[in-house]
Amino acid sequence: MTRCGWVGNAQDVLSHVQKYHSNALTVRESYQDLKFQDFNLQGTLKRFFPISAHGQFFWAEAHCNAEKEFFMITFYLVPNCKPYEDYFIDVTIGSKELFSQSKFKFNLEMKKERNTVYVPSSWLQNFLDKNKLLQLKMVITKGKQ
């Protein structure tokens, strides 16, 4: 996604993304085959992707920084109402043979460090597929608070 100057209500974000950024992939509650193309382990990469899950809208920011030796994915909630349920995020990076998996309860206070999955960038070379793409699987579930 590119920078966008749109301003509006939280409940309108998804329809805006679908209408004006139709080339952007919108991830659902369960997405099994998200691949990062043009993945350069020597540089810096930032990718953003929208997620529509259980009636709520999330943004995910994937960031790889070779200098600081980390890859991270941070999740942000753009609530369209007060959430009355807990959200649980399960992220798997890699393939069936070799992977890193993280599961966590989404922190509704949205403290960045609590809604982030970290992987040492030195591991990433092992997770690339034959086309040098980094594969990610993600599932968001919900439960009562």
N, C-alpha and C. Protein backbone atom coordinates (compact mmCIF):
# COMPACT_ATOMS: atom_id res chain seq x y z
N MET A 1 0.85 -1.17 0.00
CA MET A 1 0.00 0.00 0.00
C MET A 1 0.89 1.24 0.00
N THR A 2 0.45 2.22 -0.70
CA THR A 2 1.17 3.49 -0.74
C THR A 2 0.52 4.46 0.24
N ARG A 3 1.18 5.56 0.43
CA ARG A 3 0.63 6.58 1.34
C ARG A 3 -0.70 7.08 0.80
N CYS A 4 -1.62 7.32 1.71
CA CYS A 4 -2.96 7.75 1.32
C CYS A 4 -3.38 8.84 2.30
N GLY A 5 -3.93 9.91 1.79
CA GLY A 5 -4.34 11.02 2.64
C GLY A 5 -5.78 10.95 3.10
N TRP A 6 -6.44 9.82 2.84
CA TRP A 6 -7.86 9.68 3.21
C TRP A 6 -8.04 9.80 4.71
N VAL A 7 -9.09 10.48 5.12
CA VAL A 7 -9.48 10.59 6.53
C VAL A 7 -10.95 10.23 6.60
N GLY A 8 -11.31 9.40 7.57
CA GLY A 8 -12.71 9.01 7.69
C GLY A 8 -12.95 8.21 8.95
N ASN A 9 -14.14 7.66 9.07
CA ASN A 9 -14.52 6.88 10.24
C ASN A 9 -13.92 5.48 10.17
N ALA A 10 -13.66 4.91 11.34
CA ALA A 10 -13.06 3.58 11.40
C ALA A 10 -13.89 2.54 10.66
N GLN A 11 -15.22 2.63 10.77
CA GLN A 11 -16.07 1.63 10.12
C GLN A 11 -16.04 1.74 8.60
N ASP A 12 -15.46 2.83 8.07
CA ASP A 12 -15.38 3.02 6.62
C ASP A 12 -14.02 2.65 6.03
N VAL A 13 -13.06 2.27 6.87
CA VAL A 13 -11.71 1.98 6.38
C VAL A 13 -11.72 0.83 5.38
N LEU A 14 -12.37 -0.27 5.72
CA LEU A 14 -12.37 -1.44 4.84
C LEU A 14 -12.96 -1.11 3.48
N SER A 15 -14.10 -0.43 3.45
CA SER A 15 -14.71 -0.10 2.15
C SER A 15 -13.81 0.86 1.36
N HIS A 16 -13.13 1.78 2.04
CA HIS A 16 -12.19 2.68 1.35
C HIS A 16 -11.06 1.88 0.72
N VAL A 17 -10.47 0.97 1.49
CA VAL A 17 -9.36 0.15 0.97
C VAL A 17 -9.83 -0.66 -0.23
N GLN A 18 -11.00 -1.29 -0.13
CA GLN A 18 -11.50 -2.11 -1.23
C GLN A 18 -11.81 -1.28 -2.47
N LYS A 19 -12.30 -0.05 -2.29
CA LYS A 19 -12.70 0.78 -3.43
C LYS A 19 -11.51 1.49 -4.08
N TYR A 20 -10.64 2.09 -3.27
CA TYR A 20 -9.59 2.94 -3.81
C TYR A 20 -8.21 2.27 -3.86
N HIS A 21 -8.07 1.15 -3.23
CA HIS A 21 -6.80 0.43 -3.23
C HIS A 21 -7.07 -1.04 -3.57
N SER A 22 -7.83 -1.25 -4.63
CA SER A 22 -8.28 -2.60 -4.97
C SER A 22 -7.14 -3.55 -5.29
N ASN A 23 -5.97 -3.01 -5.65
CA ASN A 23 -4.83 -3.87 -5.91
C ASN A 23 -4.16 -4.35 -4.62
N ALA A 24 -4.53 -3.76 -3.50
CA ALA A 24 -3.97 -4.17 -2.21
C ALA A 24 -4.68 -5.43 -1.73
N LEU A 25 -3.91 -6.35 -1.25
CA LEU A 25 -4.45 -7.58 -0.71
C LEU A 25 -5.08 -7.29 0.65
N THR A 26 -6.34 -7.66 0.81
CA THR A 26 -6.99 -7.53 2.11
C THR A 26 -7.07 -8.92 2.72
N VAL A 27 -6.41 -9.10 3.83
CA VAL A 27 -6.32 -10.39 4.50
C VAL A 27 -7.55 -10.59 5.37
N ARG A 28 -8.03 -11.83 5.45
CA ARG A 28 -9.19 -12.16 6.28
C ARG A 28 -8.71 -12.79 7.60
N GLU A 29 -9.64 -13.35 8.39
CA GLU A 29 -9.32 -13.93 9.70
C GLU A 29 -8.24 -15.00 9.61
N SER A 30 -8.25 -15.74 8.52
CA SER A 30 -7.28 -16.81 8.33
C SER A 30 -6.69 -16.66 6.94
N TYR A 31 -5.39 -16.48 6.90
CA TYR A 31 -4.73 -16.35 5.60
C TYR A 31 -3.52 -17.26 5.62
N GLN A 32 -3.48 -18.20 4.69
CA GLN A 32 -2.48 -19.26 4.73
C GLN A 32 -1.31 -19.07 3.78
N ASP A 33 -1.34 -18.06 2.93
CA ASP A 33 -0.30 -17.99 1.91
C ASP A 33 0.08 -16.55 1.57
N LEU A 34 0.45 -15.78 2.56
CA LEU A 34 0.91 -14.42 2.32
C LEU A 34 2.41 -14.49 2.03
N LYS A 35 2.83 -13.97 0.88
CA LYS A 35 4.24 -14.04 0.51
C LYS A 35 4.78 -12.63 0.29
N PHE A 36 5.97 -12.42 0.80
CA PHE A 36 6.66 -11.14 0.62
C PHE A 36 7.59 -11.27 -0.57
N GLN A 37 7.30 -10.52 -1.62
CA GLN A 37 8.15 -10.51 -2.81
C GLN A 37 9.22 -9.45 -2.65
N ASP A 38 10.22 -9.52 -3.52
CA ASP A 38 11.32 -8.55 -3.51
C ASP A 38 11.94 -8.47 -2.12
N PHE A 39 12.10 -9.60 -1.50
CA PHE A 39 12.59 -9.64 -0.13
C PHE A 39 14.11 -9.60 -0.14
N ASN A 40 14.69 -8.54 0.39
CA ASN A 40 16.13 -8.34 0.41
C ASN A 40 16.60 -8.43 1.85
N LEU A 41 17.36 -9.48 2.14
CA LEU A 41 17.83 -9.68 3.51
C LEU A 41 18.94 -8.70 3.91
N GLN A 42 19.50 -8.00 2.94
CA GLN A 42 20.61 -7.09 3.23
C GLN A 42 20.14 -5.67 3.53
N GLY A 43 18.92 -5.35 3.23
CA GLY A 43 18.46 -3.97 3.36
C GLY A 43 17.35 -3.82 4.38
N THR A 44 16.51 -2.83 4.12
CA THR A 44 15.37 -2.55 4.99
C THR A 44 14.10 -2.71 4.17
N LEU A 45 13.13 -3.36 4.73
CA LEU A 45 11.86 -3.60 4.05
C LEU A 45 10.74 -3.20 4.99
N LYS A 46 9.74 -2.53 4.45
CA LYS A 46 8.51 -2.25 5.20
C LYS A 46 7.35 -2.54 4.29
N ARG A 47 6.41 -3.34 4.77
CA ARG A 47 5.19 -3.65 4.03
C ARG A 47 4.02 -3.51 5.00
N PHE A 48 2.93 -2.94 4.50
CA PHE A 48 1.71 -2.81 5.29
C PHE A 48 0.62 -3.59 4.58
N PHE A 49 -0.22 -4.26 5.36
CA PHE A 49 -1.36 -4.92 4.74
C PHE A 49 -2.56 -4.84 5.67
N PRO A 50 -3.74 -4.61 5.06
CA PRO A 50 -4.98 -4.51 5.83
C PRO A 50 -5.54 -5.89 6.15
N ILE A 51 -6.19 -5.99 7.31
CA ILE A 51 -6.80 -7.24 7.75
C ILE A 51 -8.23 -6.96 8.19
N SER A 52 -9.16 -7.69 7.65
CA SER A 52 -10.56 -7.62 8.08
C SER A 52 -10.84 -8.92 8.83
N ALA A 53 -11.07 -8.81 10.13
CA ALA A 53 -11.24 -10.01 10.95
C ALA A 53 -12.33 -9.80 11.98
N HIS A 54 -13.34 -10.66 11.95
CA HIS A 54 -14.40 -10.69 12.95
C HIS A 54 -15.07 -9.32 13.12
N GLY A 55 -15.31 -8.64 12.02
CA GLY A 55 -16.00 -7.35 12.07
C GLY A 55 -15.13 -6.18 12.48
N GLN A 56 -13.85 -6.42 12.69
CA GLN A 56 -12.91 -5.35 13.05
C GLN A 56 -11.88 -5.19 11.94
N PHE A 57 -11.19 -4.06 11.96
CA PHE A 57 -10.18 -3.77 10.96
C PHE A 57 -8.83 -3.63 11.64
N PHE A 58 -7.85 -4.35 11.15
CA PHE A 58 -6.48 -4.30 11.66
C PHE A 58 -5.55 -3.86 10.53
N TRP A 59 -4.44 -3.24 10.90
CA TRP A 59 -3.32 -3.04 9.99
C TRP A 59 -2.19 -3.91 10.51
N ALA A 60 -1.44 -4.48 9.59
CA ALA A 60 -0.22 -5.19 9.97
C ALA A 60 0.95 -4.49 9.27
N GLU A 61 2.01 -4.31 10.01
CA GLU A 61 3.23 -3.71 9.46
C GLU A 61 4.35 -4.73 9.58
N ALA A 62 4.87 -5.17 8.45
CA ALA A 62 6.02 -6.07 8.44
C ALA A 62 7.26 -5.23 8.18
N HIS A 63 8.28 -5.43 9.01
CA HIS A 63 9.47 -4.59 8.94
C HIS A 63 10.70 -5.48 9.10
N CYS A 64 11.59 -5.43 8.13
CA CYS A 64 12.85 -6.14 8.22
C CYS A 64 13.97 -5.12 8.21
N ASN A 65 14.85 -5.19 9.18
CA ASN A 65 15.97 -4.26 9.26
C ASN A 65 17.24 -5.08 9.45
N ALA A 66 18.02 -5.23 8.37
CA ALA A 66 19.23 -6.05 8.42
C ALA A 66 20.26 -5.47 9.39
N GLU A 67 20.33 -4.15 9.47
CA GLU A 67 21.30 -3.51 10.35
C GLU A 67 21.02 -3.84 11.82
N LYS A 68 19.75 -3.84 12.20
CA LYS A 68 19.39 -4.16 13.58
C LYS A 68 19.13 -5.65 13.78
N GLU A 69 19.20 -6.41 12.68
CA GLU A 69 19.12 -7.87 12.70
C GLU A 69 17.79 -8.40 13.24
N PHE A 70 16.69 -7.83 12.74
CA PHE A 70 15.39 -8.35 13.15
C PHE A 70 14.38 -8.24 12.02
N PHE A 71 13.37 -9.08 12.10
CA PHE A 71 12.17 -9.01 11.27
C PHE A 71 11.02 -8.98 12.26
N MET A 72 10.09 -8.06 12.07
CA MET A 72 8.97 -7.98 13.00
C MET A 72 7.68 -7.69 12.25
N ILE A 73 6.59 -8.17 12.82
CA ILE A 73 5.27 -7.86 12.31
C ILE A 73 4.48 -7.30 13.48
N THR A 74 4.00 -6.07 13.32
CA THR A 74 3.22 -5.41 14.36
C THR A 74 1.78 -5.27 13.89
N PHE A 75 0.85 -5.56 14.78
CA PHE A 75 -0.58 -5.49 14.47
C PHE A 75 -1.21 -4.30 15.19
N TYR A 76 -2.04 -3.56 14.46
CA TYR A 76 -2.74 -2.40 15.00
C TYR A 76 -4.24 -2.60 14.77
N LEU A 77 -5.04 -2.31 15.76
CA LEU A 77 -6.49 -2.38 15.64
C LEU A 77 -7.05 -1.00 15.36
N VAL A 78 -7.92 -0.91 14.35
CA VAL A 78 -8.67 0.32 14.07
C VAL A 78 -10.12 -0.03 14.39
N PRO A 79 -10.52 0.09 15.66
CA PRO A 79 -11.84 -0.41 16.07
C PRO A 79 -12.98 0.42 15.49
N ASN A 80 -14.02 -0.27 15.04
CA ASN A 80 -15.21 0.44 14.57
C ASN A 80 -16.23 0.57 15.70
N CYS A 81 -15.92 -0.02 16.83
CA CYS A 81 -16.71 0.11 18.06
C CYS A 81 -15.84 -0.43 19.19
N LYS A 82 -16.30 -0.29 20.40
CA LYS A 82 -15.54 -0.81 21.53
C LYS A 82 -15.49 -2.33 21.44
N PRO A 83 -14.29 -2.92 21.39
CA PRO A 83 -14.21 -4.38 21.31
C PRO A 83 -14.68 -5.03 22.62
N TYR A 84 -15.59 -5.99 22.50
CA TYR A 84 -16.07 -6.72 23.66
C TYR A 84 -15.51 -8.13 23.72
N GLU A 85 -14.59 -8.40 22.85
CA GLU A 85 -14.00 -9.73 22.80
C GLU A 85 -12.48 -9.60 22.74
N ASP A 86 -11.82 -10.67 23.14
CA ASP A 86 -10.38 -10.74 23.01
C ASP A 86 -10.05 -11.28 21.62
N TYR A 87 -8.92 -10.84 21.08
CA TYR A 87 -8.44 -11.35 19.80
C TYR A 87 -7.12 -12.05 20.03
N PHE A 88 -6.96 -13.18 19.38
CA PHE A 88 -5.76 -13.99 19.50
C PHE A 88 -5.14 -14.12 18.12
N ILE A 89 -3.85 -13.85 18.02
CA ILE A 89 -3.17 -13.86 16.73
C ILE A 89 -2.12 -14.96 16.73
N ASP A 90 -2.16 -15.77 15.69
CA ASP A 90 -1.22 -16.88 15.50
C ASP A 90 -0.51 -16.62 14.17
N VAL A 91 0.81 -16.44 14.23
CA VAL A 91 1.61 -16.14 13.04
C VAL A 91 2.66 -17.22 12.88
N THR A 92 2.76 -17.77 11.67
CA THR A 92 3.80 -18.74 11.33
C THR A 92 4.57 -18.19 10.14
N ILE A 93 5.88 -18.11 10.29
CA ILE A 93 6.75 -17.65 9.21
C ILE A 93 7.61 -18.83 8.79
N GLY A 94 7.61 -19.15 7.49
CA GLY A 94 8.43 -20.24 6.99
C GLY A 94 7.61 -21.27 6.24
N SER A 95 8.11 -22.49 6.22
CA SER A 95 7.47 -23.58 5.48
C SER A 95 7.07 -24.69 6.45
N LYS A 96 6.52 -25.78 5.91
CA LYS A 96 6.15 -26.91 6.75
C LYS A 96 7.38 -27.53 7.41
N GLU A 97 8.50 -27.50 6.71
CA GLU A 97 9.71 -28.13 7.21
C GLU A 97 10.43 -27.30 8.27
N LEU A 98 10.45 -25.99 8.09
CA LEU A 98 11.20 -25.12 8.98
C LEU A 98 10.42 -23.82 9.17
N PHE A 99 10.08 -23.50 10.42
CA PHE A 99 9.23 -22.33 10.65
C PHE A 99 9.44 -21.77 12.05
N SER A 100 8.95 -20.55 12.22
CA SER A 100 8.88 -19.91 13.53
C SER A 100 7.41 -19.56 13.75
N GLN A 101 6.88 -19.92 14.91
CA GLN A 101 5.47 -19.68 15.18
C GLN A 101 5.32 -18.89 16.48
N SER A 102 4.43 -17.91 16.46
CA SER A 102 4.12 -17.11 17.64
C SER A 102 2.62 -17.02 17.79
N LYS A 103 2.15 -17.15 19.02
CA LYS A 103 0.73 -16.97 19.33
C LYS A 103 0.65 -16.00 20.50
N PHE A 104 -0.28 -15.04 20.39
CA PHE A 104 -0.42 -14.11 21.50
C PHE A 104 -1.83 -13.53 21.53
N LYS A 105 -2.19 -13.03 22.71
CA LYS A 105 -3.45 -12.33 22.89
C LYS A 105 -3.20 -10.87 22.53
N PHE A 106 -4.02 -10.33 21.63
CA PHE A 106 -3.86 -8.94 21.21
C PHE A 106 -4.12 -8.02 22.39
N ASN A 107 -3.22 -7.10 22.63
CA ASN A 107 -3.35 -6.15 23.73
C ASN A 107 -4.18 -4.97 23.25
N LEU A 108 -5.38 -4.82 23.78
CA LEU A 108 -6.29 -3.76 23.34
C LEU A 108 -5.79 -2.36 23.69
N GLU A 109 -4.83 -2.26 24.61
CA GLU A 109 -4.22 -0.96 24.91
C GLU A 109 -3.28 -0.55 23.78
N MET A 110 -3.03 -1.48 22.89
CA MET A 110 -2.25 -1.29 21.67
C MET A 110 -0.84 -0.77 21.92
N LYS A 111 -0.21 -1.30 22.93
CA LYS A 111 1.20 -0.99 23.13
C LYS A 111 1.98 -1.79 22.09
N LYS A 112 2.74 -1.09 21.27
CA LYS A 112 3.37 -1.68 20.09
C LYS A 112 4.14 -2.96 20.41
N GLU A 113 4.95 -2.93 21.46
CA GLU A 113 5.80 -4.08 21.75
C GLU A 113 4.99 -5.33 22.13
N ARG A 114 3.76 -5.14 22.57
CA ARG A 114 2.95 -6.29 22.99
C ARG A 114 2.19 -6.92 21.83
N ASN A 115 2.07 -6.24 20.73
CA ASN A 115 1.33 -6.76 19.57
C ASN A 115 2.27 -7.00 18.39
N THR A 116 3.49 -7.39 18.71
CA THR A 116 4.53 -7.57 17.71
C THR A 116 5.14 -8.96 17.81
N VAL A 117 5.39 -9.55 16.65
CA VAL A 117 6.11 -10.82 16.55
C VAL A 117 7.52 -10.48 16.05
N TYR A 118 8.54 -10.97 16.75
CA TYR A 118 9.93 -10.72 16.38
C TYR A 118 10.59 -12.02 15.95
N VAL A 119 11.40 -11.94 14.90
CA VAL A 119 12.20 -13.07 14.44
C VAL A 119 13.59 -12.52 14.11
N PRO A 120 14.66 -13.15 14.60
CA PRO A 120 16.00 -12.69 14.21
C PRO A 120 16.16 -12.78 12.69
N SER A 121 16.68 -11.74 12.08
CA SER A 121 16.81 -11.76 10.61
C SER A 121 17.78 -12.84 10.14
N SER A 122 18.67 -13.29 11.01
CA SER A 122 19.59 -14.37 10.62
C SER A 122 18.84 -15.68 10.36
N TRP A 123 17.64 -15.82 10.88
CA TRP A 123 16.84 -17.03 10.64
C TRP A 123 16.14 -17.00 9.28
N LEU A 124 15.91 -15.80 8.74
CA LEU A 124 15.03 -15.64 7.59
C LEU A 124 15.51 -16.38 6.35
N GLN A 125 16.82 -16.44 6.11
CA GLN A 125 17.34 -17.15 4.94
C GLN A 125 16.82 -18.59 4.90
N ASN A 126 16.68 -19.19 6.07
CA ASN A 126 16.19 -20.57 6.16
C ASN A 126 14.71 -20.70 5.85
N PHE A 127 13.98 -19.59 5.92
CA PHE A 127 12.53 -19.62 5.72
C PHE A 127 12.09 -19.26 4.30
N LEU A 128 13.03 -18.81 3.45
CA LEU A 128 12.67 -18.42 2.09
C LEU A 128 12.36 -19.66 1.25
N ASP A 129 11.36 -19.55 0.37
CA ASP A 129 11.06 -20.68 -0.51
C ASP A 129 12.01 -20.67 -1.71
N LYS A 130 11.80 -21.60 -2.64
CA LYS A 130 12.72 -21.73 -3.79
C LYS A 130 12.75 -20.48 -4.66
N ASN A 131 11.70 -19.67 -4.60
CA ASN A 131 11.64 -18.42 -5.37
C ASN A 131 12.12 -17.22 -4.55
N LYS A 132 12.72 -17.48 -3.40
CA LYS A 132 13.22 -16.44 -2.50
C LYS A 132 12.10 -15.57 -1.94
N LEU A 133 10.93 -16.16 -1.75
CA LEU A 133 9.80 -15.46 -1.15
C LEU A 133 9.67 -15.89 0.31
N LEU A 134 9.35 -14.96 1.17
CA LEU A 134 9.12 -15.27 2.58
C LEU A 134 7.63 -15.50 2.75
N GLN A 135 7.27 -16.68 3.24
CA GLN A 135 5.86 -17.05 3.39
C GLN A 135 5.41 -16.85 4.83
N LEU A 136 4.19 -16.34 4.97
CA LEU A 136 3.61 -16.09 6.28
C LEU A 136 2.20 -16.66 6.33
N LYS A 137 1.86 -17.30 7.43
CA LYS A 137 0.49 -17.77 7.67
C LYS A 137 0.00 -17.06 8.92
N MET A 138 -1.25 -16.65 8.90
CA MET A 138 -1.78 -15.89 10.02
C MET A 138 -3.23 -16.27 10.27
N VAL A 139 -3.58 -16.42 11.54
CA VAL A 139 -4.96 -16.70 11.93
C VAL A 139 -5.30 -15.79 13.10
N ILE A 140 -6.45 -15.11 13.00
CA ILE A 140 -6.94 -14.29 14.11
C ILE A 140 -8.24 -14.93 14.59
N THR A 141 -8.27 -15.29 15.86
CA THR A 141 -9.49 -15.85 16.46
C THR A 141 -9.97 -14.88 17.52
N LYS A 142 -11.18 -15.11 18.01
CA LYS A 142 -11.72 -14.22 19.05
C LYS A 142 -12.35 -15.05 20.15
N GLY A 143 -12.48 -14.41 21.32
CA GLY A 143 -13.11 -15.03 22.47
C GLY A 143 -13.62 -13.94 23.40
N LYS A 144 -14.47 -14.29 24.33
CA LYS A 144 -15.03 -13.32 25.28
C LYS A 144 -13.96 -12.88 26.27
N GLN A 145 -14.05 -11.61 26.70
CA GLN A 145 -13.13 -11.08 27.70
C GLN A 145 -13.48 -11.63 29.06
